[in-house]
Amino acid sequence: MPEIRISEGESFESMLRRFTKRVQQEGILSESRRRQHFEPPTNLRKKKAAGKRRKSLKAQRKNM
């Protein structure tokens, strides 16, 4: 968890900007979105294979 210390005379808005920047840099929000809905590894493999199939079919249609 990122820790931000407010310095003397710093406004809340600037501290909040620093905090959001640090959260983005550490990838906390993207990680939480990724973990929000668990997907079993078998489903991930099936999606990856389906994507490869779609890509190869599209390439075949393009070459014809």
Protein backbone atom coordinates (compact mmCIF):
# COMPACT_ATOMS: atom_id res chain seq x y z
CA MET A 1 0.00 0.00 0.00
CA PRO A 2 1.49 3.35 -0.98
CA GLU A 3 2.14 5.73 1.86
CA ILE A 4 2.07 9.48 1.33
CA ARG A 5 3.07 11.93 4.03
CA ILE A 6 1.68 15.42 3.83
CA SER A 7 4.36 18.08 4.03
CA GLU A 8 4.07 21.39 5.86
CA GLY A 9 1.83 23.85 4.02
CA GLU A 10 0.81 21.33 1.33
CA SER A 11 -2.81 21.40 0.23
CA PHE A 12 -5.02 18.34 0.33
CA GLU A 13 -5.49 18.44 -3.46
CA SER A 14 -1.76 18.26 -4.18
CA MET A 15 -1.36 15.43 -1.68
CA LEU A 16 -4.26 13.60 -3.31
CA ARG A 17 -2.65 14.05 -6.76
CA ARG A 18 0.61 12.57 -5.46
CA PHE A 19 -1.29 9.65 -3.95
CA THR A 20 -3.22 8.85 -7.14
CA LYS A 21 -0.01 9.08 -9.16
CA ARG A 22 1.73 6.64 -6.80
CA VAL A 23 -1.25 4.25 -6.95
CA GLN A 24 -1.14 4.31 -10.76
CA GLN A 25 2.62 3.73 -10.85
CA GLU A 26 2.35 0.71 -8.59
CA GLY A 27 -0.52 -0.74 -10.65
CA ILE A 28 -2.84 -1.25 -7.70
CA LEU A 29 -6.08 -0.41 -9.53
CA SER A 30 -5.31 -2.54 -12.57
CA GLU A 31 -4.38 -5.45 -10.29
CA SER A 32 -7.64 -5.14 -8.35
CA ARG A 33 -9.67 -5.03 -11.57
CA ARG A 34 -7.86 -8.12 -12.82
CA ARG A 35 -8.57 -9.99 -9.58
CA GLN A 36 -12.15 -8.78 -9.25
CA HIS A 37 -13.58 -11.78 -11.11
CA PHE A 38 -11.61 -14.99 -10.79
CA GLU A 39 -11.28 -16.97 -13.96
CA PRO A 40 -10.04 -20.55 -13.82
CA PRO A 41 -6.89 -21.33 -15.79
CA THR A 42 -8.81 -23.65 -18.11
CA ASN A 43 -11.05 -20.76 -19.21
CA LEU A 44 -8.04 -18.56 -19.78
CA ARG A 45 -6.44 -21.21 -21.99
CA LYS A 46 -9.69 -21.66 -23.94
CA LYS A 47 -9.97 -17.91 -24.53
CA LYS A 48 -6.35 -17.72 -25.66
CA ALA A 49 -6.82 -20.65 -28.07
CA ALA A 50 -10.02 -19.15 -29.47
CA GLY A 51 -8.23 -15.86 -30.06
CA LYS A 52 -5.43 -17.63 -31.91
CA ARG A 53 -7.99 -19.45 -34.06
CA ARG A 54 -9.78 -16.20 -34.91
CA LYS A 55 -6.49 -14.54 -35.79
CA SER A 56 -5.38 -17.38 -38.06
CA LEU A 57 -8.78 -17.52 -39.82
CA LYS A 58 -8.65 -13.78 -40.40
CA ALA A 59 -5.14 -14.11 -41.87
CA GLN A 60 -6.31 -16.93 -44.15
CA ARG A 61 -9.26 -14.87 -45.42
CA LYS A 62 -6.96 -11.94 -46.06
CA ASN A 63 -4.53 -14.06 -48.13
CA MET A 64 -7.26 -15.43 -50.42
